[in-house]
């Protein structure tokens, strides 16, 4: 696991002993591979294992050297696929596409290679090719992020109706993944499909363990965009009840920031500011509450000058 991921877990409050143990395991395995490759420098399996670990550790140039050596030794599809992933990261798009095309001819079900090729095709303007790769990935893997990427490409290639179709399909395939549901809701707002949005929101809010706070705030913004100020305010007040309940059960930095965000949307900036300061006391380096605090302070200064 890359160190950047560990930092994200630490800041988000999801940090456990497991990621640290994994990071230690990666370092230990890399040391072991160095010893084994010293004894067996032409072992393709060892070279590719080290290349994959180095790539995940953001040591892409070193990973490329191992993958390239594996290709030169006759490593075929696995070596070409790994080298293609490294070349994508290094910005060598056409060489990466060549390697990934050849690798996928032999191993067409490798989702990581398909995703990399989809990104490359999208960057080259080949939206149809990217869409086909992403469609293949979603048949093999129901990950929410893949469906979101596929919807994004579909919107660029064929417009919003196509993206909506992908998101509806993705919501079913991921068994109601929250990220897909929220993106579908955003797309429904953009398409002014209010009845479908209301049905979707009602379904999501009725689920056990629903992300009620996110949905209430989303609906508030959507209603404010329609000019329904009172309805928007009512949704924000419902969101505040949820935020206070969460805060009462567990006074974490995340719960404080969530509550502060709702308070700020209701114009209760002094209370929001106090909660943000408390959150920053717990996690001083967290950028989100710092940015919100700066915005609240700037608004206060503008109001004072009037």
C-alpha atoms as a PDB file:
ATOM      1  CA  UNK A   1       0.000   0.000   0.000  1.00  0.00           C
ATOM      2  CA  UNK A   2       1.393   3.431  -0.991  1.00  0.00           C
ATOM      3  CA  UNK A   3       2.292   5.841   1.805  1.00  0.00           C
ATOM      4  CA  UNK A   4      -0.135   8.418   0.380  1.00  0.00           C
ATOM      5  CA  UNK A   5      -2.965   5.967   1.095  1.00  0.00           C
ATOM      6  CA  UNK A   6      -1.742   5.528   4.667  1.00  0.00           C
ATOM      7  CA  UNK A   7      -1.756   9.300   5.166  1.00  0.00           C
ATOM      8  CA  UNK A   8      -5.305   9.516   3.828  1.00  0.00           C
ATOM      9  CA  UNK A   9      -6.448   6.811   6.232  1.00  0.00           C
ATOM     10  CA  UNK A  10      -4.780   8.612   9.130  1.00  0.00           C
ATOM     11  CA  UNK A  11      -6.438  11.936   8.357  1.00  0.00           C
ATOM     12  CA  UNK A  12      -9.861  10.413   7.740  1.00  0.00           C
ATOM     13  CA  UNK A  13      -9.888   8.673  11.095  1.00  0.00           C
ATOM     14  CA  UNK A  14      -9.948   5.204   9.545  1.00  0.00           C
ATOM     15  CA  UNK A  15      -6.367   4.367  10.516  1.00  0.00           C
ATOM     16  CA  UNK A  16      -5.722   0.998  12.132  1.00  0.00           C
ATOM     17  CA  UNK A  17      -2.714  -1.193  12.778  1.00  0.00           C
ATOM     18  CA  UNK A  18      -3.375  -3.069   9.532  1.00  0.00           C
ATOM     19  CA  UNK A  19      -2.049  -0.509   7.001  1.00  0.00           C
ATOM     20  CA  UNK A  20       1.146  -0.030   9.003  1.00  0.00           C
ATOM     21  CA  UNK A  21       1.619  -3.772   9.124  1.00  0.00           C
ATOM     22  CA  UNK A  22       1.081  -3.948   5.373  1.00  0.00           C
ATOM     23  CA  UNK A  23       3.603  -1.174   4.739  1.00  0.00           C
ATOM     24  CA  UNK A  24       6.103  -3.048   6.878  1.00  0.00           C
ATOM     25  CA  UNK A  25       5.301  -6.241   4.953  1.00  0.00           C
ATOM     26  CA  UNK A  26       5.926  -4.475   1.630  1.00  0.00           C
ATOM     27  CA  UNK A  27       9.320  -3.217   2.775  1.00  0.00           C
ATOM     28  CA  UNK A  28      10.250  -6.643   4.101  1.00  0.00           C
ATOM     29  CA  UNK A  29       9.156  -8.340   0.883  1.00  0.00           C
ATOM     30  CA  UNK A  30      11.149  -5.878  -1.246  1.00  0.00           C
ATOM     31  CA  UNK A  31      14.238  -6.657   0.812  1.00  0.00           C
ATOM     32  CA  UNK A  32      13.590 -10.368   0.363  1.00  0.00           C
ATOM     33  CA  UNK A  33      13.124  -9.978  -3.387  1.00  0.00           C
ATOM     34  CA  UNK A  34      16.412  -8.083  -3.648  1.00  0.00           C
ATOM     35  CA  UNK A  35      18.195 -11.019  -2.018  1.00  0.00           C
ATOM     36  CA  UNK A  36      16.427 -13.594  -4.195  1.00  0.00           C
ATOM     37  CA  UNK A  37      17.116 -11.657  -7.396  1.00  0.00           C
ATOM     38  CA  UNK A  38      20.762 -11.364  -6.464  1.00  0.00           C
ATOM     39  CA  UNK A  39      20.831 -15.146  -6.564  1.00  0.00           C
ATOM     40  CA  UNK A  40      18.424 -15.530  -9.524  1.00  0.00           C
ATOM     41  CA  UNK A  41      18.631 -12.320 -11.632  1.00  0.00           C
ATOM     42  CA  UNK A  42      16.766 -13.854 -14.579  1.00  0.00           C
ATOM     43  CA  UNK A  43      13.725 -15.061 -12.654  1.00  0.00           C
ATOM     44  CA  UNK A  44      10.797 -13.435 -14.473  1.00  0.00           C
ATOM     45  CA  UNK A  45       8.294 -14.109 -11.669  1.00  0.00           C
ATOM     46  CA  UNK A  46      10.490 -12.386  -9.082  1.00  0.00           C
ATOM     47  CA  UNK A  47      11.119  -9.410 -11.381  1.00  0.00           C
ATOM     48  CA  UNK A  48       7.392  -8.926 -12.002  1.00  0.00           C
ATOM     49  CA  UNK A  49       6.509  -9.276  -8.331  1.00  0.00           C
ATOM     50  CA  UNK A  50       9.053  -6.589  -7.443  1.00  0.00           C
ATOM     51  CA  UNK A  51       7.893  -4.381 -10.328  1.00  0.00           C
ATOM     52  CA  UNK A  52       4.287  -4.495  -9.084  1.00  0.00           C
ATOM     53  CA  UNK A  53       5.314  -3.676  -5.500  1.00  0.00           C
ATOM     54  CA  UNK A  54       7.575  -0.817  -6.601  1.00  0.00           C
ATOM     55  CA  UNK A  55       4.826   0.608  -8.814  1.00  0.00           C
ATOM     56  CA  UNK A  56       2.375   0.555  -5.901  1.00  0.00           C
ATOM     57  CA  UNK A  57       5.019   2.314  -3.803  1.00  0.00           C
ATOM     58  CA  UNK A  58       5.262   5.059  -6.485  1.00  0.00           C
ATOM     59  CA  UNK A  59       8.777   4.005  -7.462  1.00  0.00           C
ATOM     60  CA  UNK A  60       7.738   3.786 -11.093  1.00  0.00           C
ATOM     61  CA  UNK A  61      11.134   4.170 -12.774  1.00  0.00           C
ATOM     62  CA  UNK A  62      12.532   1.238 -10.791  1.00  0.00           C
ATOM     63  CA  UNK A  63       9.353  -0.752 -11.461  1.00  0.00           C
ATOM     64  CA  UNK A  64       9.722  -0.092 -15.194  1.00  0.00           C
ATOM     65  CA  UNK A  65      13.320  -1.356 -15.140  1.00  0.00           C
ATOM     66  CA  UNK A  66      12.206  -4.677 -13.638  1.00  0.00           C
ATOM     67  CA  UNK A  67       9.220  -5.017 -15.986  1.00  0.00           C
ATOM     68  CA  UNK A  68      11.350  -4.183 -19.010  1.00  0.00           C
ATOM     69  CA  UNK A  69      13.940  -6.757 -17.945  1.00  0.00           C
ATOM     70  CA  UNK A  70      11.132  -9.341 -17.665  1.00  0.00           C
ATOM     71  CA  UNK A  71       9.969  -8.512 -21.211  1.00  0.00           C
ATOM     72  CA  UNK A  72      13.519  -8.863 -22.556  1.00  0.00           C
ATOM     73  CA  UNK A  73      13.736 -12.261 -20.861  1.00  0.00           C
ATOM     74  CA  UNK A  74      10.614 -13.421 -22.716  1.00  0.00           C
ATOM     75  CA  UNK A  75       8.021 -12.688 -20.021  1.00  0.00           C
ATOM     76  CA  UNK A  76       5.162 -12.413 -22.548  1.00  0.00           C
ATOM     77  CA  UNK A  77       1.731 -11.081 -21.495  1.00  0.00           C
ATOM     78  CA  UNK A  78       2.279 -10.533 -17.765  1.00  0.00           C
ATOM     79  CA  UNK A  79       5.521  -8.685 -18.402  1.00  0.00           C
ATOM     80  CA  UNK A  80       4.025  -6.566 -21.184  1.00  0.00           C
ATOM     81  CA  UNK A  81       1.030  -5.690 -19.008  1.00  0.00           C
ATOM     82  CA  UNK A  82       3.210  -4.644 -16.083  1.00  0.00           C
ATOM     83  CA  UNK A  83       5.490  -2.620 -18.358  1.00  0.00           C
ATOM     84  CA  UNK A  84       2.411  -0.989 -19.897  1.00  0.00           C
ATOM     85  CA  UNK A  85       1.172   0.089 -16.458  1.00  0.00           C
ATOM     86  CA  UNK A  86       4.572   1.610 -15.691  1.00  0.00           C
ATOM     87  CA  UNK A  87       4.750   3.382 -19.060  1.00  0.00           C
ATOM     88  CA  UNK A  88       1.304   4.897 -18.472  1.00  0.00           C
ATOM     89  CA  UNK A  89       2.478   6.373 -15.184  1.00  0.00           C
ATOM     90  CA  UNK A  90       5.662   7.652 -16.817  1.00  0.00           C
ATOM     91  CA  UNK A  91       3.642   9.452 -19.479  1.00  0.00           C
ATOM     92  CA  UNK A  92       4.699   7.325 -22.495  1.00  0.00           C
ATOM     93  CA  UNK A  93       1.176   6.906 -23.824  1.00  0.00           C
ATOM     94  CA  UNK A  94       1.728   5.252 -27.187  1.00  0.00           C
ATOM     95  CA  UNK A  95       4.287   2.772 -25.854  1.00  0.00           C
ATOM     96  CA  UNK A  96       1.939   1.979 -22.968  1.00  0.00           C
ATOM     97  CA  UNK A  97      -0.951   1.388 -25.394  1.00  0.00           C
ATOM     98  CA  UNK A  98       1.189  -0.916 -27.520  1.00  0.00           C
ATOM     99  CA  UNK A  99       2.159  -3.032 -24.495  1.00  0.00           C
ATOM    100  CA  UNK A 100      -1.365  -3.135 -23.085  1.00  0.00           C
ATOM    101  CA  UNK A 101      -2.898  -4.045 -26.450  1.00  0.00           C
ATOM    102  CA  UNK A 102      -0.515  -6.991 -26.754  1.00  0.00           C
ATOM    103  CA  UNK A 103      -1.020  -8.079 -23.142  1.00  0.00           C
ATOM    104  CA  UNK A 104      -4.822  -7.937 -23.391  1.00  0.00           C
ATOM    105  CA  UNK A 105      -4.780 -10.030 -26.541  1.00  0.00           C
ATOM    106  CA  UNK A 106      -3.412 -12.867 -24.409  1.00  0.00           C
ATOM    107  CA  UNK A 107      -5.165 -12.079 -21.096  1.00  0.00           C
ATOM    108  CA  UNK A 108      -8.386 -10.145 -21.888  1.00  0.00           C
ATOM    109  CA  UNK A 109      -9.851 -10.363 -18.361  1.00  0.00           C
ATOM    110  CA  UNK A 110      -7.191  -8.293 -16.577  1.00  0.00           C
ATOM    111  CA  UNK A 111      -9.222  -5.359 -15.240  1.00  0.00           C
ATOM    112  CA  UNK A 112      -6.185  -3.294 -14.201  1.00  0.00           C
ATOM    113  CA  UNK A 113      -4.865  -3.402 -17.772  1.00  0.00           C
ATOM    114  CA  UNK A 114      -8.298  -2.596 -19.204  1.00  0.00           C
ATOM    115  CA  UNK A 115      -8.645   0.380 -16.869  1.00  0.00           C
ATOM    116  CA  UNK A 116      -5.204   1.681 -17.800  1.00  0.00           C
ATOM    117  CA  UNK A 117      -5.990   1.337 -21.506  1.00  0.00           C
ATOM    118  CA  UNK A 118      -9.340   3.080 -20.997  1.00  0.00           C
ATOM    119  CA  UNK A 119      -7.579   6.023 -19.342  1.00  0.00           C
ATOM    120  CA  UNK A 120      -5.046   6.179 -22.165  1.00  0.00           C
ATOM    121  CA  UNK A 121      -7.717   5.959 -24.851  1.00  0.00           C
ATOM    122  CA  UNK A 122      -9.706   8.709 -23.137  1.00  0.00           C
ATOM    123  CA  UNK A 123      -6.631  10.955 -22.965  1.00  0.00           C
ATOM    124  CA  UNK A 124      -6.066  10.359 -26.700  1.00  0.00           C
ATOM    125  CA  UNK A 125      -9.683  11.270 -27.499  1.00  0.00           C
ATOM    126  CA  UNK A 126     -10.702   7.703 -28.330  1.00  0.00           C
ATOM    127  CA  UNK A 127     -13.866   7.852 -26.228  1.00  0.00           C
ATOM    128  CA  UNK A 128     -15.541   4.926 -27.987  1.00  0.00           C
ATOM    129  CA  UNK A 129     -12.536   2.681 -27.280  1.00  0.00           C
ATOM    130  CA  UNK A 130     -12.427   3.855 -23.658  1.00  0.00           C
ATOM    131  CA  UNK A 131     -16.149   3.130 -23.278  1.00  0.00           C
ATOM    132  CA  UNK A 132     -15.710  -0.384 -24.630  1.00  0.00           C
ATOM    133  CA  UNK A 133     -12.862  -1.103 -22.213  1.00  0.00           C
ATOM    134  CA  UNK A 134     -14.858   0.230 -19.266  1.00  0.00           C
ATOM    135  CA  UNK A 135     -17.894  -1.808 -20.294  1.00  0.00           C
ATOM    136  CA  UNK A 136     -15.699  -4.918 -20.244  1.00  0.00           C
ATOM    137  CA  UNK A 137     -14.388  -3.978 -16.803  1.00  0.00           C
ATOM    138  CA  UNK A 138     -17.881  -3.527 -15.384  1.00  0.00           C
ATOM    139  CA  UNK A 139     -18.824  -6.991 -16.634  1.00  0.00           C
ATOM    140  CA  UNK A 140     -15.867  -8.389 -14.690  1.00  0.00           C
ATOM    141  CA  UNK A 141     -15.825  -6.123 -11.645  1.00  0.00           C
ATOM    142  CA  UNK A 142     -18.708  -4.271  -9.952  1.00  0.00           C
ATOM    143  CA  UNK A 143     -16.503  -1.623  -8.308  1.00  0.00           C
ATOM    144  CA  UNK A 144     -18.270   1.745  -7.908  1.00  0.00           C
ATOM    145  CA  UNK A 145     -15.284   3.801  -9.090  1.00  0.00           C
ATOM    146  CA  UNK A 146     -15.255   1.960 -12.407  1.00  0.00           C
ATOM    147  CA  UNK A 147     -18.935   2.713 -12.971  1.00  0.00           C
ATOM    148  CA  UNK A 148     -18.323   6.394 -12.188  1.00  0.00           C
ATOM    149  CA  UNK A 149     -15.461   6.507 -14.694  1.00  0.00           C
ATOM    150  CA  UNK A 150     -17.581   4.729 -17.295  1.00  0.00           C
ATOM    151  CA  UNK A 151     -20.399   7.252 -16.770  1.00  0.00           C
ATOM    152  CA  UNK A 152     -17.946  10.132 -17.142  1.00  0.00           C
ATOM    153  CA  UNK A 153     -16.652   8.769 -20.450  1.00  0.00           C
ATOM    154  CA  UNK A 154     -20.197   8.061 -21.639  1.00  0.00           C
ATOM    155  CA  UNK A 155     -21.161  11.673 -20.907  1.00  0.00           C
ATOM    156  CA  UNK A 156     -18.227  12.953 -22.965  1.00  0.00           C
ATOM    157  CA  UNK A 157     -18.794  10.489 -25.809  1.00  0.00           C
ATOM    158  CA  UNK A 158     -22.579  10.430 -26.112  1.00  0.00           C
ATOM    159  CA  UNK A 159     -24.038  13.023 -23.739  1.00  0.00           C
ATOM    160  CA  UNK A 160     -25.945  13.066 -20.462  1.00  0.00           C
ATOM    161  CA  UNK A 161     -28.697  10.543 -21.376  1.00  0.00           C
ATOM    162  CA  UNK A 162     -26.037   7.886 -21.983  1.00  0.00           C
ATOM    163  CA  UNK A 163     -24.346   8.703 -18.664  1.00  0.00           C
ATOM    164  CA  UNK A 164     -27.702   8.381 -16.885  1.00  0.00           C
ATOM    165  CA  UNK A 165     -28.239   4.936 -18.400  1.00  0.00           C
ATOM    166  CA  UNK A 166     -24.785   3.829 -17.250  1.00  0.00           C
ATOM    167  CA  UNK A 167     -25.375   5.145 -13.722  1.00  0.00           C
ATOM    168  CA  UNK A 168     -28.761   3.426 -13.439  1.00  0.00           C
ATOM    169  CA  UNK A 169     -27.151   0.185 -14.559  1.00  0.00           C
ATOM    170  CA  UNK A 170     -24.217   0.774 -12.191  1.00  0.00           C
ATOM    171  CA  UNK A 171     -26.498   1.366  -9.216  1.00  0.00           C
ATOM    172  CA  UNK A 172     -28.056  -2.049  -9.748  1.00  0.00           C
ATOM    173  CA  UNK A 173     -24.722  -3.770 -10.458  1.00  0.00           C
ATOM    174  CA  UNK A 174     -23.050  -2.360  -7.330  1.00  0.00           C
ATOM    175  CA  UNK A 175     -26.118  -3.175  -5.216  1.00  0.00           C
ATOM    176  CA  UNK A 176     -26.794   0.447  -4.459  1.00  0.00           C
ATOM    177  CA  UNK A 177     -23.293   1.839  -3.911  1.00  0.00           C
ATOM    178  CA  UNK A 178     -23.596   5.257  -2.260  1.00  0.00           C
ATOM    179  CA  UNK A 179     -21.097   6.972  -4.584  1.00  0.00           C
ATOM    180  CA  UNK A 180     -22.995   5.768  -7.675  1.00  0.00           C
ATOM    181  CA  UNK A 181     -26.338   6.823  -6.181  1.00  0.00           C
ATOM    182  CA  UNK A 182     -25.072  10.337  -5.433  1.00  0.00           C
ATOM    183  CA  UNK A 183     -23.597  10.725  -8.925  1.00  0.00           C
ATOM    184  CA  UNK A 184     -26.899   9.536 -10.396  1.00  0.00           C
ATOM    185  CA  UNK A 185     -28.683  12.139  -8.255  1.00  0.00           C
ATOM    186  CA  UNK A 186     -26.345  14.894  -9.510  1.00  0.00           C
ATOM    187  CA  UNK A 187     -26.991  13.830 -13.087  1.00  0.00           C
ATOM    188  CA  UNK A 188     -30.744  13.849 -12.483  1.00  0.00           C
ATOM    189  CA  UNK A 189     -30.492  17.421 -11.172  1.00  0.00           C
ATOM    190  CA  UNK A 190     -28.541  18.454 -14.279  1.00  0.00           C
ATOM    191  CA  UNK A 191     -31.202  16.835 -16.453  1.00  0.00           C
ATOM    192  CA  UNK A 192     -34.047  18.362 -14.393  1.00  0.00           C
ATOM    193  CA  UNK A 193     -35.470  14.870 -13.792  1.00  0.00           C
ATOM    194  CA  UNK A 194     -37.074  15.900 -10.522  1.00  0.00           C
ATOM    195  CA  UNK A 195     -39.576  13.056 -10.135  1.00  0.00           C
ATOM    196  CA  UNK A 196     -36.890  10.400 -10.555  1.00  0.00           C
ATOM    197  CA  UNK A 197     -34.663  12.339  -8.144  1.00  0.00           C
ATOM    198  CA  UNK A 198     -37.406  12.378  -5.505  1.00  0.00           C
ATOM    199  CA  UNK A 199     -37.956   8.629  -5.910  1.00  0.00           C
ATOM    200  CA  UNK A 200     -34.223   7.937  -5.685  1.00  0.00           C
ATOM    201  CA  UNK A 201     -33.820  10.094  -2.575  1.00  0.00           C
ATOM    202  CA  UNK A 202     -36.810   8.463  -0.887  1.00  0.00           C
ATOM    203  CA  UNK A 203     -35.386   4.998  -1.634  1.00  0.00           C
ATOM    204  CA  UNK A 204     -31.942   5.938  -0.295  1.00  0.00           C
ATOM    205  CA  UNK A 205     -33.336   7.527   2.866  1.00  0.00           C
ATOM    206  CA  UNK A 206     -35.434   4.433   3.597  1.00  0.00           C
ATOM    207  CA  UNK A 207     -32.404   2.118   3.595  1.00  0.00           C
ATOM    208  CA  UNK A 208     -30.990   0.836   6.912  1.00  0.00           C
ATOM    209  CA  UNK A 209     -27.867   2.837   7.726  1.00  0.00           C
ATOM    210  CA  UNK A 210     -28.673   5.423   5.042  1.00  0.00           C
ATOM    211  CA  UNK A 211     -26.283   8.358   4.602  1.00  0.00           C
ATOM    212  CA  UNK A 212     -29.091  10.699   5.616  1.00  0.00           C
ATOM    213  CA  UNK A 213     -26.873  13.715   6.235  1.00  0.00           C
ATOM    214  CA  UNK A 214     -25.367  13.607   2.724  1.00  0.00           C
ATOM    215  CA  UNK A 215     -28.757  13.168   1.101  1.00  0.00           C
ATOM    216  CA  UNK A 216     -30.435  15.930   3.116  1.00  0.00           C
ATOM    217  CA  UNK A 217     -27.686  18.389   2.170  1.00  0.00           C
ATOM    218  CA  UNK A 218     -27.804  17.272  -1.450  1.00  0.00           C
ATOM    219  CA  UNK A 219     -31.572  17.772  -1.594  1.00  0.00           C
ATOM    220  CA  UNK A 220     -31.196  21.162   0.087  1.00  0.00           C
ATOM    221  CA  UNK A 221     -28.768  22.315  -2.608  1.00  0.00           C
ATOM    222  CA  UNK A 222     -30.997  20.928  -5.370  1.00  0.00           C
ATOM    223  CA  UNK A 223     -34.075  22.717  -3.991  1.00  0.00           C
ATOM    224  CA  UNK A 224     -32.106  25.932  -3.530  1.00  0.00           C
ATOM    225  CA  UNK A 225     -31.092  25.682  -7.190  1.00  0.00           C
ATOM    226  CA  UNK A 226     -34.773  25.465  -8.108  1.00  0.00           C
ATOM    227  CA  UNK A 227     -35.455  28.649  -6.140  1.00  0.00           C
ATOM    228  CA  UNK A 228     -37.368  26.799  -3.409  1.00  0.00           C
ATOM    229  CA  UNK A 229     -35.583  28.556  -0.541  1.00  0.00           C
ATOM    230  CA  UNK A 230     -37.960  27.475   2.228  1.00  0.00           C
ATOM    231  CA  UNK A 231     -37.880  23.832   1.167  1.00  0.00           C
ATOM    232  CA  UNK A 232     -34.082  23.991   1.024  1.00  0.00           C
ATOM    233  CA  UNK A 233     -33.944  25.444   4.527  1.00  0.00           C
ATOM    234  CA  UNK A 234     -36.248  22.690   5.799  1.00  0.00           C
ATOM    235  CA  UNK A 235     -33.894  20.028   4.371  1.00  0.00           C
ATOM    236  CA  UNK A 236     -30.914  21.724   6.041  1.00  0.00           C
ATOM    237  CA  UNK A 237     -32.732  21.758   9.379  1.00  0.00           C
ATOM    238  CA  UNK A 238     -33.403  18.027   8.998  1.00  0.00           C
ATOM    239  CA  UNK A 239     -29.727  17.572   8.196  1.00  0.00           C
ATOM    240  CA  UNK A 240     -28.798  19.496  11.348  1.00  0.00           C
ATOM    241  CA  UNK A 241     -30.871  17.121  13.482  1.00  0.00           C
ATOM    242  CA  UNK A 242     -29.002  14.170  11.974  1.00  0.00           C
ATOM    243  CA  UNK A 243     -25.636  15.902  12.459  1.00  0.00           C
ATOM    244  CA  UNK A 244     -26.355  16.690  16.113  1.00  0.00           C
ATOM    245  CA  UNK A 245     -27.471  13.100  16.755  1.00  0.00           C
ATOM    246  CA  UNK A 246     -24.252  11.773  15.227  1.00  0.00           C
ATOM    247  CA  UNK A 247     -22.202  14.223  17.260  1.00  0.00           C
ATOM    248  CA  UNK A 248     -23.957  13.232  20.467  1.00  0.00           C
ATOM    249  CA  UNK A 249     -23.149   9.554  19.906  1.00  0.00           C
ATOM    250  CA  UNK A 250     -19.529  10.078  18.832  1.00  0.00           C
ATOM    251  CA  UNK A 251     -17.757  13.445  19.070  1.00  0.00           C
ATOM    252  CA  UNK A 252     -15.137  12.828  16.369  1.00  0.00           C
ATOM    253  CA  UNK A 253     -13.393  15.365  14.166  1.00  0.00           C
ATOM    254  CA  UNK A 254     -15.394  14.143  11.155  1.00  0.00           C
ATOM    255  CA  UNK A 255     -18.700  14.517  13.021  1.00  0.00           C
ATOM    256  CA  UNK A 256     -17.703  18.042  14.115  1.00  0.00           C
ATOM    257  CA  UNK A 257     -16.866  19.100  10.563  1.00  0.00           C
ATOM    258  CA  UNK A 258     -20.097  17.606   9.205  1.00  0.00           C
ATOM    259  CA  UNK A 259     -22.117  19.494  11.789  1.00  0.00           C
ATOM    260  CA  UNK A 260     -20.168  22.700  11.137  1.00  0.00           C
ATOM    261  CA  UNK A 261     -20.895  22.426   7.414  1.00  0.00           C
ATOM    262  CA  UNK A 262     -24.649  22.247   8.076  1.00  0.00           C
ATOM    263  CA  UNK A 263     -24.533  25.095  10.589  1.00  0.00           C
ATOM    264  CA  UNK A 264     -22.663  27.246   8.088  1.00  0.00           C
ATOM    265  CA  UNK A 265     -25.284  26.534   5.415  1.00  0.00           C
ATOM    266  CA  UNK A 266     -27.937  27.796   7.862  1.00  0.00           C
ATOM    267  CA  UNK A 267     -25.973  30.966   8.584  1.00  0.00           C
ATOM    268  CA  UNK A 268     -25.010  29.896  12.128  1.00  0.00           C
ATOM    269  CA  UNK A 269     -21.354  30.750  11.564  1.00  0.00           C
ATOM    270  CA  UNK A 270     -20.259  31.312  15.169  1.00  0.00           C
ATOM    271  CA  UNK A 271     -21.340  27.802  16.152  1.00  0.00           C
ATOM    272  CA  UNK A 272     -19.809  26.365  12.975  1.00  0.00           C
ATOM    273  CA  UNK A 273     -16.534  28.171  13.706  1.00  0.00           C
ATOM    274  CA  UNK A 274     -16.335  26.745  17.233  1.00  0.00           C
ATOM    275  CA  UNK A 275     -16.811  23.201  15.943  1.00  0.00           C
ATOM    276  CA  UNK A 276     -14.174  23.655  13.246  1.00  0.00           C
ATOM    277  CA  UNK A 277     -11.654  24.893  15.794  1.00  0.00           C
ATOM    278  CA  UNK A 278     -12.364  21.837  17.945  1.00  0.00           C
ATOM    279  CA  UNK A 279     -11.891  19.554  14.922  1.00  0.00           C
ATOM    280  CA  UNK A 280      -8.598  21.248  14.025  1.00  0.00           C
ATOM    281  CA  UNK A 281      -7.422  20.819  17.596  1.00  0.00           C
ATOM    282  CA  UNK A 282      -7.851  17.065  17.117  1.00  0.00           C
ATOM    283  CA  UNK A 283      -6.403  16.939  13.564  1.00  0.00           C
ATOM    284  CA  UNK A 284      -4.350  20.146  13.005  1.00  0.00           C
ATOM    285  CA  UNK A 285      -3.219  19.243   9.473  1.00  0.00           C
ATOM    286  CA  UNK A 286      -6.693  18.524   8.055  1.00  0.00           C
ATOM    287  CA  UNK A 287      -7.193  20.868   5.083  1.00  0.00           C
ATOM    288  CA  UNK A 288     -10.995  20.709   4.740  1.00  0.00           C
ATOM    289  CA  UNK A 289     -11.982  22.271   8.093  1.00  0.00           C
ATOM    290  CA  UNK A 290      -9.164  24.807   7.700  1.00  0.00           C
ATOM    291  CA  UNK A 291     -10.538  25.897   4.308  1.00  0.00           C
ATOM    292  CA  UNK A 292     -14.098  26.139   5.668  1.00  0.00           C
ATOM    293  CA  UNK A 293     -12.877  28.136   8.681  1.00  0.00           C
ATOM    294  CA  UNK A 294     -10.990  30.540   6.404  1.00  0.00           C
ATOM    295  CA  UNK A 295     -14.110  31.025   4.296  1.00  0.00           C
ATOM    296  CA  UNK A 296     -16.266  31.724   7.362  1.00  0.00           C
ATOM    297  CA  UNK A 297     -13.710  34.227   8.676  1.00  0.00           C
ATOM    298  CA  UNK A 298     -13.519  35.943   5.264  1.00  0.00           C
ATOM    299  CA  UNK A 299     -17.324  36.234   5.170  1.00  0.00           C
ATOM    300  CA  UNK A 300     -17.267  37.744   8.661  1.00  0.00           C
ATOM    301  CA  UNK A 301     -14.690  40.345   7.633  1.00  0.00           C
ATOM    302  CA  UNK A 302     -16.740  41.313   4.558  1.00  0.00           C
ATOM    303  CA  UNK A 303     -19.843  41.683   6.711  1.00  0.00           C
ATOM    304  CA  UNK A 304     -17.914  43.852   9.183  1.00  0.00           C
ATOM    305  CA  UNK A 305     -16.845  46.259   6.438  1.00  0.00           C
ATOM    306  CA  UNK A 306     -20.404  46.946   5.337  1.00  0.00           C
END
